[in-house]
């Protein structure tokens, strides 16, 4: 019987030196990962940054923003 290839997640600090984790990836993980923000431009004229979502409202006028 064939078993699927299983991989075990290893915490970042346990990776051996010379592993496939790059310095940039390590810094991004240590900083909490990427920040998924987008810049939105509302019809009222306000341009603002908010988390990427399908339900973003303008903080000035409350209008729904298209995604």
PDB file of N, CA and C in Angstrom:
ATOM      1  N   UNK A   1       0.841  -1.171   0.000  1.00  0.00           N
ATOM      2  CA  UNK A   1       0.000   0.000   0.000  1.00  0.00           C
ATOM      3  C   UNK A   1       0.888   1.236   0.000  1.00  0.00           C
ATOM      4  N   UNK A   2       0.591   2.157  -0.917  1.00  0.00           N
ATOM      5  CA  UNK A   2       1.367   3.398  -1.001  1.00  0.00           C
ATOM      6  C   UNK A   2       0.870   4.391   0.031  1.00  0.00           C
ATOM      7  N   UNK A   3       1.810   5.074   0.651  1.00  0.00           N
ATOM      8  CA  UNK A   3       1.443   6.138   1.579  1.00  0.00           C
ATOM      9  C   UNK A   3       1.862   7.462   0.959  1.00  0.00           C
ATOM     10  N   UNK A   4       1.077   8.509   1.176  1.00  0.00           N
ATOM     11  CA  UNK A   4       1.437   9.808   0.598  1.00  0.00           C
ATOM     12  C   UNK A   4       2.701  10.354   1.252  1.00  0.00           C
ATOM     13  N   UNK A   5       3.394  11.192   0.517  1.00  0.00           N
ATOM     14  CA  UNK A   5       4.575  11.858   1.078  1.00  0.00           C
ATOM     15  C   UNK A   5       4.099  12.883   2.083  1.00  0.00           C
ATOM     16  N   UNK A   6       4.486  12.727   3.305  1.00  0.00           N
ATOM     17  CA  UNK A   6       4.103  13.659   4.357  1.00  0.00           C
ATOM     18  C   UNK A   6       5.298  14.527   4.703  1.00  0.00           C
ATOM     19  N   UNK A   7       5.012  15.787   4.977  1.00  0.00           N
ATOM     20  CA  UNK A   7       6.066  16.716   5.387  1.00  0.00           C
ATOM     21  C   UNK A   7       5.737  17.227   6.777  1.00  0.00           C
ATOM     22  N   UNK A   8       6.734  17.364   7.578  1.00  0.00           N
ATOM     23  CA  UNK A   8       6.561  17.859   8.932  1.00  0.00           C
ATOM     24  C   UNK A   8       7.010  19.309   8.971  1.00  0.00           C
ATOM     25  N   UNK A   9       6.151  20.185   9.480  1.00  0.00           N
ATOM     26  CA  UNK A   9       6.513  21.593   9.606  1.00  0.00           C
ATOM     27  C   UNK A   9       7.524  21.738  10.744  1.00  0.00           C
ATOM     28  N   UNK A  10       8.572  22.473  10.480  1.00  0.00           N
ATOM     29  CA  UNK A  10       9.608  22.707  11.482  1.00  0.00           C
ATOM     30  C   UNK A  10       9.605  24.190  11.798  1.00  0.00           C
ATOM     31  N   UNK A  11       9.505  24.563  13.076  1.00  0.00           N
ATOM     32  CA  UNK A  11       9.549  25.989  13.418  1.00  0.00           C
ATOM     33  C   UNK A  11      10.798  26.647  12.856  1.00  0.00           C
ATOM     34  N   UNK A  12      10.684  27.910  12.522  1.00  0.00           N
ATOM     35  CA  UNK A  12      11.768  28.635  11.863  1.00  0.00           C
ATOM     36  C   UNK A  12      13.079  28.540  12.622  1.00  0.00           C
ATOM     37  N   UNK A  13      13.058  28.687  13.934  1.00  0.00           N
ATOM     38  CA  UNK A  13      14.299  28.685  14.701  1.00  0.00           C
ATOM     39  C   UNK A  13      14.966  27.310  14.703  1.00  0.00           C
ATOM     40  N   UNK A  14      14.245  26.254  14.327  1.00  0.00           N
ATOM     41  CA  UNK A  14      14.814  24.918  14.311  1.00  0.00           C
ATOM     42  C   UNK A  14      15.414  24.532  12.959  1.00  0.00           C
ATOM     43  N   UNK A  15      15.297  25.411  11.944  1.00  0.00           N
ATOM     44  CA  UNK A  15      15.876  25.103  10.646  1.00  0.00           C
ATOM     45  C   UNK A  15      17.397  25.098  10.755  1.00  0.00           C
ATOM     46  N   UNK A  16      18.031  24.103  10.183  1.00  0.00           N
ATOM     47  CA  UNK A  16      19.503  24.090  10.222  1.00  0.00           C
ATOM     48  C   UNK A  16      20.086  25.178   9.330  1.00  0.00           C
ATOM     49  N   UNK A  17      21.285  25.584   9.630  1.00  0.00           N
ATOM     50  CA  UNK A  17      21.955  26.578   8.787  1.00  0.00           C
ATOM     51  C   UNK A  17      22.098  26.020   7.375  1.00  0.00           C
ATOM     52  N   UNK A  18      21.984  26.910   6.404  1.00  0.00           N
ATOM     53  CA  UNK A  18      22.102  26.473   5.024  1.00  0.00           C
ATOM     54  C   UNK A  18      20.823  25.867   4.485  1.00  0.00           C
ATOM     55  N   UNK A  19      19.733  26.011   5.228  1.00  0.00           N
ATOM     56  CA  UNK A  19      18.469  25.448   4.752  1.00  0.00           C
ATOM     57  C   UNK A  19      17.936  26.313   3.612  1.00  0.00           C
ATOM     58  N   UNK A  20      16.807  25.900   3.074  1.00  0.00           N
ATOM     59  CA  UNK A  20      16.250  26.595   1.911  1.00  0.00           C
ATOM     60  C   UNK A  20      15.528  27.894   2.286  1.00  0.00           C
ATOM     61  N   UNK A  21      15.448  28.238   3.568  1.00  0.00           N
ATOM     62  CA  UNK A  21      14.800  29.475   3.989  1.00  0.00           C
ATOM     63  C   UNK A  21      15.773  30.628   3.770  1.00  0.00           C
ATOM     64  N   UNK A  22      15.382  31.568   2.905  1.00  0.00           N
ATOM     65  CA  UNK A  22      16.271  32.687   2.611  1.00  0.00           C
ATOM     66  C   UNK A  22      16.243  33.706   3.748  1.00  0.00           C
ATOM     67  N   UNK A  23      17.221  34.587   3.738  1.00  0.00           N
ATOM     68  CA  UNK A  23      17.284  35.633   4.762  1.00  0.00           C
ATOM     69  C   UNK A  23      16.066  36.549   4.669  1.00  0.00           C
ATOM     70  N   UNK A  24      15.607  36.856   3.447  1.00  0.00           N
ATOM     71  CA  UNK A  24      14.429  37.715   3.296  1.00  0.00           C
ATOM     72  C   UNK A  24      13.182  37.039   3.841  1.00  0.00           C
ATOM     73  N   UNK A  25      13.020  35.750   3.551  1.00  0.00           N
ATOM     74  CA  UNK A  25      11.870  35.015   4.061  1.00  0.00           C
ATOM     75  C   UNK A  25      11.915  34.936   5.581  1.00  0.00           C
ATOM     76  N   UNK A  26      13.095  34.721   6.127  1.00  0.00           N
ATOM     77  CA  UNK A  26      13.239  34.639   7.580  1.00  0.00           C
ATOM     78  C   UNK A  26      12.865  35.966   8.235  1.00  0.00           C
ATOM     79  N   UNK A  27      13.327  37.095   7.651  1.00  0.00           N
ATOM     80  CA  UNK A  27      12.983  38.406   8.208  1.00  0.00           C
ATOM     81  C   UNK A  27      11.485  38.669   8.113  1.00  0.00           C
ATOM     82  N   UNK A  28      10.856  38.278   6.998  1.00  0.00           N
ATOM     83  CA  UNK A  28       9.413  38.473   6.842  1.00  0.00           C
ATOM     84  C   UNK A  28       8.643  37.675   7.887  1.00  0.00           C
ATOM     85  N   UNK A  29       9.066  36.439   8.134  1.00  0.00           N
ATOM     86  CA  UNK A  29       8.401  35.616   9.148  1.00  0.00           C
ATOM     87  C   UNK A  29       8.591  36.197  10.544  1.00  0.00           C
ATOM     88  N   UNK A  30       9.792  36.659  10.843  1.00  0.00           N
ATOM     89  CA  UNK A  30      10.067  37.222  12.164  1.00  0.00           C
ATOM     90  C   UNK A  30       9.279  38.500  12.399  1.00  0.00           C
ATOM     91  N   UNK A  31       8.973  39.223  11.313  1.00  0.00           N
ATOM     92  CA  UNK A  31       8.218  40.474  11.427  1.00  0.00           C
ATOM     93  C   UNK A  31       6.716  40.231  11.458  1.00  0.00           C
ATOM     94  N   UNK A  32       6.300  38.980  11.402  1.00  0.00           N
ATOM     95  CA  UNK A  32       4.873  38.686  11.473  1.00  0.00           C
ATOM     96  C   UNK A  32       4.253  38.368  10.127  1.00  0.00           C
ATOM     97  N   UNK A  33       5.040  38.278   9.088  1.00  0.00           N
ATOM     98  CA  UNK A  33       4.523  37.936   7.769  1.00  0.00           C
ATOM     99  C   UNK A  33       4.127  39.162   6.981  1.00  0.00           C
ATOM    100  N   UNK A  34       3.679  38.928   5.761  1.00  0.00           N
ATOM    101  CA  UNK A  34       3.305  40.065   4.913  1.00  0.00           C
ATOM    102  C   UNK A  34       2.054  40.767   5.414  1.00  0.00           C
ATOM    103  N   UNK A  35       1.946  42.029   5.106  1.00  0.00           N
ATOM    104  CA  UNK A  35       0.756  42.814   5.454  1.00  0.00           C
ATOM    105  C   UNK A  35      -0.050  42.969   4.182  1.00  0.00           C
ATOM    106  N   UNK A  36      -1.244  42.412   4.189  1.00  0.00           N
ATOM    107  CA  UNK A  36      -2.081  42.445   2.997  1.00  0.00           C
ATOM    108  C   UNK A  36      -2.988  43.672   3.022  1.00  0.00           C
ATOM    109  N   UNK A  37      -2.420  44.811   2.632  1.00  0.00           N
ATOM    110  CA  UNK A  37      -3.172  46.053   2.532  1.00  0.00           C
ATOM    111  C   UNK A  37      -3.273  46.466   1.071  1.00  0.00           C
ATOM    112  N   UNK A  38      -4.312  47.224   0.783  1.00  0.00           N
ATOM    113  CA  UNK A  38      -4.492  47.743  -0.569  1.00  0.00           C
ATOM    114  C   UNK A  38      -4.832  49.223  -0.462  1.00  0.00           C
ATOM    115  N   UNK A  39      -4.584  49.934  -1.530  1.00  0.00           N
ATOM    116  CA  UNK A  39      -4.923  51.355  -1.598  1.00  0.00           C
ATOM    117  C   UNK A  39      -6.253  51.482  -2.330  1.00  0.00           C
ATOM    118  N   UNK A  40      -7.210  52.116  -1.704  1.00  0.00           N
ATOM    119  CA  UNK A  40      -8.537  52.298  -2.281  1.00  0.00           C
ATOM    120  C   UNK A  40      -8.762  53.770  -2.575  1.00  0.00           C
ATOM    121  N   UNK A  41      -9.488  54.053  -3.636  1.00  0.00           N
ATOM    122  CA  UNK A  41      -9.835  55.420  -4.019  1.00  0.00           C
ATOM    123  C   UNK A  41     -11.357  55.506  -4.093  1.00  0.00           C
ATOM    124  N   UNK A  42     -11.952  56.283  -3.208  1.00  0.00           N
ATOM    125  CA  UNK A  42     -13.405  56.393  -3.127  1.00  0.00           C
ATOM    126  C   UNK A  42     -13.920  57.524  -4.030  1.00  0.00           C
ATOM    127  N   UNK A  43     -15.174  57.424  -4.422  1.00  0.00           N
ATOM    128  CA  UNK A  43     -15.809  58.455  -5.243  1.00  0.00           C
ATOM    129  C   UNK A  43     -15.889  59.791  -4.508  1.00  0.00           C
ATOM    130  N   UNK A  44     -15.837  59.774  -3.160  1.00  0.00           N
ATOM    131  CA  UNK A  44     -15.895  61.024  -2.391  1.00  0.00           C
ATOM    132  C   UNK A  44     -14.564  61.778  -2.455  1.00  0.00           C
ATOM    133  N   UNK A  45     -13.525  61.118  -3.012  1.00  0.00           N
ATOM    134  CA  UNK A  45     -12.223  61.771  -3.150  1.00  0.00           C
ATOM    135  C   UNK A  45     -11.179  61.281  -2.176  1.00  0.00           C
ATOM    136  N   UNK A  46     -11.571  60.504  -1.203  1.00  0.00           N
ATOM    137  CA  UNK A  46     -10.617  60.003  -0.213  1.00  0.00           C
ATOM    138  C   UNK A  46      -9.847  58.814  -0.783  1.00  0.00           C
ATOM    139  N   UNK A  47      -8.547  58.826  -0.620  1.00  0.00           N
ATOM    140  CA  UNK A  47      -7.689  57.699  -0.957  1.00  0.00           C
ATOM    141  C   UNK A  47      -7.170  57.173   0.370  1.00  0.00           C
ATOM    142  N   UNK A  48      -7.362  55.864   0.613  1.00  0.00           N
ATOM    143  CA  UNK A  48      -6.981  55.308   1.906  1.00  0.00           C
ATOM    144  C   UNK A  48      -6.464  53.890   1.733  1.00  0.00           C
ATOM    145  N   UNK A  49      -5.714  53.438   2.716  1.00  0.00           N
ATOM    146  CA  UNK A  49      -5.208  52.063   2.744  1.00  0.00           C
ATOM    147  C   UNK A  49      -6.041  51.285   3.747  1.00  0.00           C
ATOM    148  N   UNK A  50      -6.374  50.046   3.366  1.00  0.00           N
ATOM    149  CA  UNK A  50      -7.134  49.166   4.248  1.00  0.00           C
ATOM    150  C   UNK A  50      -6.756  47.732   3.941  1.00  0.00           C
ATOM    151  N   UNK A  51      -7.096  46.853   4.861  1.00  0.00           N
ATOM    152  CA  UNK A  51      -6.820  45.431   4.661  1.00  0.00           C
ATOM    153  C   UNK A  51      -7.552  44.932   3.425  1.00  0.00           C
ATOM    154  N   UNK A  52      -6.916  44.030   2.686  1.00  0.00           N
ATOM    155  CA  UNK A  52      -7.535  43.453   1.503  1.00  0.00           C
ATOM    156  C   UNK A  52      -8.728  42.617   1.951  1.00  0.00           C
ATOM    157  N   UNK A  53      -9.884  42.935   1.397  1.00  0.00           N
ATOM    158  CA  UNK A  53     -11.115  42.253   1.769  1.00  0.00           C
ATOM    159  C   UNK A  53     -12.160  42.487   0.690  1.00  0.00           C
ATOM    160  N   UNK A  54     -13.191  41.672   0.701  1.00  0.00           N
ATOM    161  CA  UNK A  54     -14.304  41.882  -0.232  1.00  0.00           C
ATOM    162  C   UNK A  54     -15.321  42.851   0.341  1.00  0.00           C
ATOM    163  N   UNK A  55     -15.147  43.265   1.582  1.00  0.00           N
ATOM    164  CA  UNK A  55     -16.086  44.191   2.223  1.00  0.00           C
ATOM    165  C   UNK A  55     -15.327  45.353   2.846  1.00  0.00           C
ATOM    166  N   UNK A  56     -14.944  46.319   2.029  1.00  0.00           N
ATOM    167  CA  UNK A  56     -14.227  47.503   2.504  1.00  0.00           C
ATOM    168  C   UNK A  56     -15.137  48.705   2.325  1.00  0.00           C
ATOM    169  N   UNK A  57     -15.269  49.489   3.374  1.00  0.00           N
ATOM    170  CA  UNK A  57     -16.062  50.717   3.324  1.00  0.00           C
ATOM    171  C   UNK A  57     -15.146  51.920   3.499  1.00  0.00           C
ATOM    172  N   UNK A  58     -15.489  52.997   2.835  1.00  0.00           N
ATOM    173  CA  UNK A  58     -14.735  54.233   2.959  1.00  0.00           C
ATOM    174  C   UNK A  58     -14.871  54.756   4.388  1.00  0.00           C
ATOM    175  N   UNK A  59     -13.769  55.080   5.045  1.00  0.00           N
ATOM    176  CA  UNK A  59     -13.857  55.603   6.417  1.00  0.00           C
ATOM    177  C   UNK A  59     -14.443  57.015   6.464  1.00  0.00           C
ATOM    178  N   UNK A  60     -14.489  57.714   5.327  1.00  0.00           N
ATOM    179  CA  UNK A  60     -15.013  59.075   5.298  1.00  0.00           C
ATOM    180  C   UNK A  60     -16.531  59.100   5.073  1.00  0.00           C
ATOM    181  N   UNK A  61     -17.009  58.406   4.022  1.00  0.00           N
ATOM    182  CA  UNK A  61     -18.430  58.478   3.693  1.00  0.00           C
ATOM    183  C   UNK A  61     -19.166  57.142   3.866  1.00  0.00           C
ATOM    184  N   UNK A  62     -18.424  56.054   4.076  1.00  0.00           N
ATOM    185  CA  UNK A  62     -19.040  54.771   4.327  1.00  0.00           C
ATOM    186  C   UNK A  62     -19.411  53.976   3.078  1.00  0.00           C
ATOM    187  N   UNK A  63     -19.103  54.496   1.888  1.00  0.00           N
ATOM    188  CA  UNK A  63     -19.458  53.814   0.648  1.00  0.00           C
ATOM    189  C   UNK A  63     -18.691  52.508   0.496  1.00  0.00           C
ATOM    190  N   UNK A  64     -19.367  51.490  -0.048  1.00  0.00           N
ATOM    191  CA  UNK A  64     -18.706  50.221  -0.345  1.00  0.00           C
ATOM    192  C   UNK A  64     -17.684  50.417  -1.448  1.00  0.00           C
ATOM    193  N   UNK A  65     -16.554  49.745  -1.299  1.00  0.00           N
ATOM    194  CA  UNK A  65     -15.507  49.831  -2.315  1.00  0.00           C
ATOM    195  C   UNK A  65     -15.496  48.553  -3.147  1.00  0.00           C
ATOM    196  N   UNK A  66     -15.376  48.717  -4.446  1.00  0.00           N
ATOM    197  CA  UNK A  66     -15.325  47.565  -5.335  1.00  0.00           C
ATOM    198  C   UNK A  66     -14.010  46.830  -5.143  1.00  0.00           C
ATOM    199  N   UNK A  67     -14.033  45.559  -5.271  1.00  0.00           N
ATOM    200  CA  UNK A  67     -12.814  44.769  -5.183  1.00  0.00           C
ATOM    201  C   UNK A  67     -12.617  44.115  -6.474  1.00  0.00           C
TER     202      UNK A  67
END
